[in-house]
Amino acid sequence: MTTPDLTDAAWRKSSRSDANGGACVEVADLRAGVAVRDSKDPSGPVLAFTPTGWHAFIAGTKDGNFNLA
């Protein structure tokens, strides 16, 4: 995926984000996929996924493929 235009992106906080200001992410639906960023650093880096990549990422997360412990 090329770098998406995020000018008009409608960001929303993940329902799984920490309510105490901790690990918070925001997502935005894009024409070509989904973008993810750190809510505490909105001008920082963004991960951009194609629809297929997003579905694979979510499936991997649910399966515990990214657990650090």
PDB file of N, CA and C in Angstrom:
ATOM      1  N   MET A   1       0.851  -1.173   0.000  1.00  0.00           N
ATOM      2  CA  MET A   1       0.000   0.000   0.000  1.00  0.00           C
ATOM      3  C   MET A   1       0.894   1.233   0.000  1.00  0.00           C
ATOM      4  N   THR A   2       0.595   2.182  -0.873  1.00  0.00           N
ATOM      5  CA  THR A   2       1.334   3.437  -0.885  1.00  0.00           C
ATOM      6  C   THR A   2       0.894   4.286   0.309  1.00  0.00           C
ATOM      7  N   THR A   3       1.639   5.329   0.583  1.00  0.00           N
ATOM      8  CA  THR A   3       1.289   6.205   1.696  1.00  0.00           C
ATOM      9  C   THR A   3      -0.073   6.847   1.428  1.00  0.00           C
ATOM     10  N   PRO A   4      -1.038   6.610   2.315  1.00  0.00           N
ATOM     11  CA  PRO A   4      -2.387   7.134   2.065  1.00  0.00           C
ATOM     12  C   PRO A   4      -2.497   8.617   2.403  1.00  0.00           C
ATOM     13  N   ASP A   5      -3.462   9.280   1.765  1.00  0.00           N
ATOM     14  CA  ASP A   5      -3.782  10.665   2.095  1.00  0.00           C
ATOM     15  C   ASP A   5      -4.683  10.632   3.325  1.00  0.00           C
ATOM     16  N   LEU A   6      -4.201  11.180   4.440  1.00  0.00           N
ATOM     17  CA  LEU A   6      -4.939  11.139   5.705  1.00  0.00           C
ATOM     18  C   LEU A   6      -5.608  12.473   6.032  1.00  0.00           C
ATOM     19  N   THR A   7      -5.634  13.397   5.077  1.00  0.00           N
ATOM     20  CA  THR A   7      -6.173  14.730   5.303  1.00  0.00           C
ATOM     21  C   THR A   7      -7.584  14.697   5.878  1.00  0.00           C
ATOM     22  N   ASP A   8      -8.452  13.903   5.313  1.00  0.00           N
ATOM     23  CA  ASP A   8      -9.853  13.849   5.744  1.00  0.00           C
ATOM     24  C   ASP A   8     -10.179  12.585   6.537  1.00  0.00           C
ATOM     25  N   ALA A   9      -9.169  11.920   7.062  1.00  0.00           N
ATOM     26  CA  ALA A   9      -9.405  10.675   7.811  1.00  0.00           C
ATOM     27  C   ALA A   9     -10.236  10.959   9.060  1.00  0.00           C
ATOM     28  N   ALA A  10     -11.222  10.124   9.299  1.00  0.00           N
ATOM     29  CA  ALA A  10     -12.061  10.225  10.502  1.00  0.00           C
ATOM     30  C   ALA A  10     -11.552   9.204  11.506  1.00  0.00           C
ATOM     31  N   TRP A  11     -10.719   9.658  12.435  1.00  0.00           N
ATOM     32  CA  TRP A  11     -10.089   8.776  13.416  1.00  0.00           C
ATOM     33  C   TRP A  11     -11.059   8.475  14.546  1.00  0.00           C
ATOM     34  N   ARG A  12     -11.011   7.239  15.038  1.00  0.00           N
ATOM     35  CA  ARG A  12     -11.797   6.854  16.213  1.00  0.00           C
ATOM     36  C   ARG A  12     -10.924   5.992  17.109  1.00  0.00           C
ATOM     37  N   LYS A  13     -11.114   6.140  18.408  1.00  0.00           N
ATOM     38  CA  LYS A  13     -10.318   5.384  19.373  1.00  0.00           C
ATOM     39  C   LYS A  13     -10.828   3.946  19.427  1.00  0.00           C
ATOM     40  N   SER A  14      -9.903   3.024  19.505  1.00  0.00           N
ATOM     41  CA  SER A  14     -10.253   1.611  19.612  1.00  0.00           C
ATOM     42  C   SER A  14     -11.045   1.356  20.884  1.00  0.00           C
ATOM     43  N   SER A  15     -12.036   0.498  20.797  1.00  0.00           N
ATOM     44  CA  SER A  15     -12.820   0.134  21.982  1.00  0.00           C
ATOM     45  C   SER A  15     -11.980  -0.659  22.974  1.00  0.00           C
ATOM     46  N   ARG A  16     -10.835  -1.163  22.538  1.00  0.00           N
ATOM     47  CA  ARG A  16      -9.937  -1.928  23.408  1.00  0.00           C
ATOM     48  C   ARG A  16      -8.860  -1.074  24.047  1.00  0.00           C
ATOM     49  N   SER A  17      -8.867   0.215  23.784  1.00  0.00           N
ATOM     50  CA  SER A  17      -7.845   1.102  24.349  1.00  0.00           C
ATOM     51  C   SER A  17      -8.033   1.263  25.842  1.00  0.00           C
ATOM     52  N   ASP A  18      -6.946   1.506  26.517  1.00  0.00           N
ATOM     53  CA  ASP A  18      -6.923   1.687  27.956  1.00  0.00           C
ATOM     54  C   ASP A  18      -7.612   2.999  28.326  1.00  0.00           C
ATOM     55  N   ALA A  19      -8.628   2.950  29.180  1.00  0.00           N
ATOM     56  CA  ALA A  19      -9.384   4.139  29.586  1.00  0.00           C
ATOM     57  C   ALA A  19      -8.569   5.089  30.465  1.00  0.00           C
ATOM     58  N   ASN A  20      -7.430   4.660  30.970  1.00  0.00           N
ATOM     59  CA  ASN A  20      -6.609   5.474  31.862  1.00  0.00           C
ATOM     60  C   ASN A  20      -5.503   6.228  31.125  1.00  0.00           C
ATOM     61  N   GLY A  21      -5.609   6.360  29.822  1.00  0.00           N
ATOM     62  CA  GLY A  21      -4.604   7.112  29.071  1.00  0.00           C
ATOM     63  C   GLY A  21      -3.370   6.310  28.732  1.00  0.00           C
ATOM     64  N   GLY A  22      -3.439   5.013  28.833  1.00  0.00           N
ATOM     65  CA  GLY A  22      -2.280   4.165  28.553  1.00  0.00           C
ATOM     66  C   GLY A  22      -2.169   3.807  27.083  1.00  0.00           C
ATOM     67  N   ALA A  23      -2.288   2.542  26.785  1.00  0.00           N
ATOM     68  CA  ALA A  23      -2.102   2.029  25.431  1.00  0.00           C
ATOM     69  C   ALA A  23      -3.327   2.326  24.575  1.00  0.00           C
ATOM     70  N   CYS A  24      -3.322   3.479  23.912  1.00  0.00           N
ATOM     71  CA  CYS A  24      -4.469   3.902  23.112  1.00  0.00           C
ATOM     72  C   CYS A  24      -4.092   3.973  21.637  1.00  0.00           C
ATOM     73  N   VAL A  25      -4.916   3.369  20.822  1.00  0.00           N
ATOM     74  CA  VAL A  25      -4.734   3.475  19.382  1.00  0.00           C
ATOM     75  C   VAL A  25      -6.007   4.033  18.768  1.00  0.00           C
ATOM     76  N   GLU A  26      -5.838   4.667  17.620  1.00  0.00           N
ATOM     77  CA  GLU A  26      -6.963   5.162  16.843  1.00  0.00           C
ATOM     78  C   GLU A  26      -6.899   4.522  15.473  1.00  0.00           C
ATOM     79  N   VAL A  27      -8.058   4.291  14.886  1.00  0.00           N
ATOM     80  CA  VAL A  27      -8.130   3.715  13.548  1.00  0.00           C
ATOM     81  C   VAL A  27      -8.972   4.625  12.658  1.00  0.00           C
ATOM     82  N   ALA A  28      -8.695   4.574  11.377  1.00  0.00           N
ATOM     83  CA  ALA A  28      -9.470   5.315  10.394  1.00  0.00           C
ATOM     84  C   ALA A  28      -9.695   4.420   9.188  1.00  0.00           C
ATOM     85  N   ASP A  29     -10.936   4.351   8.749  1.00  0.00           N
ATOM     86  CA  ASP A  29     -11.250   3.614   7.524  1.00  0.00           C
ATOM     87  C   ASP A  29     -10.847   4.473   6.329  1.00  0.00           C
ATOM     88  N   LEU A  30     -10.146   3.855   5.401  1.00  0.00           N
ATOM     89  CA  LEU A  30      -9.685   4.545   4.202  1.00  0.00           C
ATOM     90  C   LEU A  30     -10.272   3.862   2.981  1.00  0.00           C
ATOM     91  N   ARG A  31     -10.241   4.532   1.867  1.00  0.00           N
ATOM     92  CA  ARG A  31     -10.729   3.903   0.620  1.00  0.00           C
ATOM     93  C   ARG A  31      -9.941   2.635   0.305  1.00  0.00           C
ATOM     94  N   ALA A  32      -8.648   2.667   0.575  1.00  0.00           N
ATOM     95  CA  ALA A  32      -7.791   1.542   0.221  1.00  0.00           C
ATOM     96  C   ALA A  32      -7.463   0.640   1.403  1.00  0.00           C
ATOM     97  N   GLY A  33      -8.121   0.830   2.560  1.00  0.00           N
ATOM     98  CA  GLY A  33      -7.827  -0.020   3.704  1.00  0.00           C
ATOM     99  C   GLY A  33      -8.098   0.663   5.026  1.00  0.00           C
ATOM    100  N   VAL A  34      -7.174   0.488   5.966  1.00  0.00           N
ATOM    101  CA  VAL A  34      -7.327   0.994   7.323  1.00  0.00           C
ATOM    102  C   VAL A  34      -5.998   1.582   7.778  1.00  0.00           C
ATOM    103  N   ALA A  35      -6.061   2.686   8.525  1.00  0.00           N
ATOM    104  CA  ALA A  35      -4.863   3.295   9.099  1.00  0.00           C
ATOM    105  C   ALA A  35      -4.964   3.214  10.617  1.00  0.00           C
ATOM    106  N   VAL A  36      -3.814   3.074  11.280  1.00  0.00           N
ATOM    107  CA  VAL A  36      -3.746   2.968  12.738  1.00  0.00           C
ATOM    108  C   VAL A  36      -2.652   3.912  13.230  1.00  0.00           C
ATOM    109  N   ARG A  37      -2.934   4.621  14.339  1.00  0.00           N
ATOM    110  CA  ARG A  37      -1.927   5.510  14.928  1.00  0.00           C
ATOM    111  C   ARG A  37      -2.059   5.514  16.445  1.00  0.00           C
ATOM    112  N   ASP A  38      -1.042   6.031  17.107  1.00  0.00           N
ATOM    113  CA  ASP A  38      -1.032   6.203  18.556  1.00  0.00           C
ATOM    114  C   ASP A  38      -1.829   7.460  18.877  1.00  0.00           C
ATOM    115  N   SER A  39      -2.861   7.348  19.700  1.00  0.00           N
ATOM    116  CA  SER A  39      -3.711   8.502  20.000  1.00  0.00           C
ATOM    117  C   SER A  39      -2.962   9.605  20.740  1.00  0.00           C
ATOM    118  N   LYS A  40      -1.872   9.258  21.422  1.00  0.00           N
ATOM    119  CA  LYS A  40      -1.097  10.260  22.148  1.00  0.00           C
ATOM    120  C   LYS A  40      -0.137  11.016  21.228  1.00  0.00           C
ATOM    121  N   ASP A  41       0.035  10.554  19.999  1.00  0.00           N
ATOM    122  CA  ASP A  41       0.950  11.169  19.042  1.00  0.00           C
ATOM    123  C   ASP A  41       0.277  11.242  17.666  1.00  0.00           C
ATOM    124  N   PRO A  42      -0.789  12.048  17.538  1.00  0.00           N
ATOM    125  CA  PRO A  42      -1.548  12.065  16.294  1.00  0.00           C
ATOM    126  C   PRO A  42      -0.773  12.528  15.063  1.00  0.00           C
ATOM    127  N   SER A  43       0.315  13.236  15.253  1.00  0.00           N
ATOM    128  CA  SER A  43       1.119  13.647  14.101  1.00  0.00           C
ATOM    129  C   SER A  43       2.285  12.686  13.862  1.00  0.00           C
ATOM    130  N   GLY A  44       2.350  11.621  14.640  1.00  0.00           N
ATOM    131  CA  GLY A  44       3.430  10.643  14.514  1.00  0.00           C
ATOM    132  C   GLY A  44       3.176   9.629  13.409  1.00  0.00           C
ATOM    133  N   PRO A  45       3.914   8.537  13.440  1.00  0.00           N
ATOM    134  CA  PRO A  45       3.815   7.530  12.384  1.00  0.00           C
ATOM    135  C   PRO A  45       2.443   6.853  12.351  1.00  0.00           C
ATOM    136  N   VAL A  46       2.092   6.383  11.172  1.00  0.00           N
ATOM    137  CA  VAL A  46       0.823   5.702  10.941  1.00  0.00           C
ATOM    138  C   VAL A  46       1.102   4.373  10.262  1.00  0.00           C
ATOM    139  N   LEU A  47       0.439   3.329  10.709  1.00  0.00           N
ATOM    140  CA  LEU A  47       0.474   2.044  10.011  1.00  0.00           C
ATOM    141  C   LEU A  47      -0.710   2.013   9.062  1.00  0.00           C
ATOM    142  N   ALA A  48      -0.483   1.645   7.818  1.00  0.00           N
ATOM    143  CA  ALA A  48      -1.550   1.553   6.837  1.00  0.00           C
ATOM    144  C   ALA A  48      -1.655   0.122   6.342  1.00  0.00           C
ATOM    145  N   PHE A  49      -2.863  -0.403   6.335  1.00  0.00           N
ATOM    146  CA  PHE A  49      -3.126  -1.780   5.934  1.00  0.00           C
ATOM    147  C   PHE A  49      -4.074  -1.816   4.743  1.00  0.00           C
ATOM    148  N   THR A  50      -3.837  -2.732   3.825  1.00  0.00           N
ATOM    149  CA  THR A  50      -4.839  -3.040   2.812  1.00  0.00           C
ATOM    150  C   THR A  50      -5.957  -3.792   3.520  1.00  0.00           C
ATOM    151  N   PRO A  51      -7.136  -3.934   2.909  1.00  0.00           N
ATOM    152  CA  PRO A  51      -8.192  -4.714   3.562  1.00  0.00           C
ATOM    153  C   PRO A  51      -7.742  -6.131   3.921  1.00  0.00           C
ATOM    154  N   THR A  52      -7.024  -6.791   3.026  1.00  0.00           N
ATOM    155  CA  THR A  52      -6.544  -8.150   3.297  1.00  0.00           C
ATOM    156  C   THR A  52      -5.544  -8.155   4.444  1.00  0.00           C
ATOM    157  N   GLY A  53      -4.634  -7.193   4.446  1.00  0.00           N
ATOM    158  CA  GLY A  53      -3.643  -7.092   5.513  1.00  0.00           C
ATOM    159  C   GLY A  53      -4.292  -6.800   6.859  1.00  0.00           C
ATOM    160  N   TRP A  54      -5.318  -5.939   6.871  1.00  0.00           N
ATOM    161  CA  TRP A  54      -6.030  -5.608   8.105  1.00  0.00           C
ATOM    162  C   TRP A  54      -6.719  -6.846   8.676  1.00  0.00           C
ATOM    163  N   HIS A  55      -7.394  -7.592   7.831  1.00  0.00           N
ATOM    164  CA  HIS A  55      -8.074  -8.808   8.293  1.00  0.00           C
ATOM    165  C   HIS A  55      -7.067  -9.820   8.842  1.00  0.00           C
ATOM    166  N   ALA A  56      -5.914  -9.936   8.190  1.00  0.00           N
ATOM    167  CA  ALA A  56      -4.878 -10.850   8.671  1.00  0.00           C
ATOM    168  C   ALA A  56      -4.316 -10.365  10.011  1.00  0.00           C
ATOM    169  N   PHE A  57      -4.119  -9.058  10.167  1.00  0.00           N
ATOM    170  CA  PHE A  57      -3.620  -8.495  11.414  1.00  0.00           C
ATOM    171  C   PHE A  57      -4.611  -8.756  12.551  1.00  0.00           C
ATOM    172  N   ILE A  58      -5.877  -8.488  12.326  1.00  0.00           N
ATOM    173  CA  ILE A  58      -6.896  -8.715  13.349  1.00  0.00           C
ATOM    174  C   ILE A  58      -6.980 -10.197  13.708  1.00  0.00           C
ATOM    175  N   ALA A  59      -6.956 -11.072  12.712  1.00  0.00           N
ATOM    176  CA  ALA A  59      -7.000 -12.515  12.982  1.00  0.00           C
ATOM    177  C   ALA A  59      -5.783 -12.943  13.793  1.00  0.00           C
ATOM    178  N   GLY A  60      -4.604 -12.432  13.449  1.00  0.00           N
ATOM    179  CA  GLY A  60      -3.387 -12.765  14.190  1.00  0.00           C
ATOM    180  C   GLY A  60      -3.434 -12.264  15.622  1.00  0.00           C
ATOM    181  N   THR A  61      -4.014 -11.085  15.808  1.00  0.00           N
ATOM    182  CA  THR A  61      -4.153 -10.530  17.154  1.00  0.00           C
ATOM    183  C   THR A  61      -5.077 -11.400  17.992  1.00  0.00           C
ATOM    184  N   LYS A  62      -6.204 -11.783  17.423  1.00  0.00           N
ATOM    185  CA  LYS A  62      -7.156 -12.635  18.142  1.00  0.00           C
ATOM    186  C   LYS A  62      -6.547 -13.998  18.473  1.00  0.00           C
ATOM    187  N   ASP A  63      -5.669 -14.479  17.601  1.00  0.00           N
ATOM    188  CA  ASP A  63      -5.025 -15.779  17.819  1.00  0.00           C
ATOM    189  C   ASP A  63      -3.835 -15.698  18.773  1.00  0.00           C
ATOM    190  N   GLY A  64      -3.476 -14.490  19.222  1.00  0.00           N
ATOM    191  CA  GLY A  64      -2.375 -14.323  20.157  1.00  0.00           C
ATOM    192  C   GLY A  64      -1.007 -14.327  19.520  1.00  0.00           C
ATOM    193  N   ASN A  65      -0.942 -14.085  18.210  1.00  0.00           N
ATOM    194  CA  ASN A  65       0.352 -14.121  17.519  1.00  0.00           C
ATOM    195  C   ASN A  65       1.276 -12.970  17.890  1.00  0.00           C
ATOM    196  N   PHE A  66       0.758 -11.913  18.518  1.00  0.00           N
ATOM    197  CA  PHE A  66       1.574 -10.746  18.822  1.00  0.00           C
ATOM    198  C   PHE A  66       1.753 -10.528  20.312  1.00  0.00           C
ATOM    199  N   ASN A  67       1.444 -11.509  21.113  1.00  0.00           N
ATOM    200  CA  ASN A  67       1.637 -11.374  22.560  1.00  0.00           C
ATOM    201  C   ASN A  67       3.125 -11.273  22.866  1.00  0.00           C
ATOM    202  N   LEU A  68       3.474 -10.323  23.708  1.00  0.00           N
ATOM    203  CA  LEU A  68       4.878 -10.118  24.047  1.00  0.00           C
ATOM    204  C   LEU A  68       5.293 -10.862  25.298  1.00  0.00           C
ATOM    205  N   ALA A  69       4.355 -11.347  26.060  1.00  0.00           N
ATOM    206  CA  ALA A  69       4.676 -12.031  27.312  1.00  0.00           C
ATOM    207  C   ALA A  69       4.998 -13.482  27.080  1.00  0.00           C
TER     208      ALA A  69
END
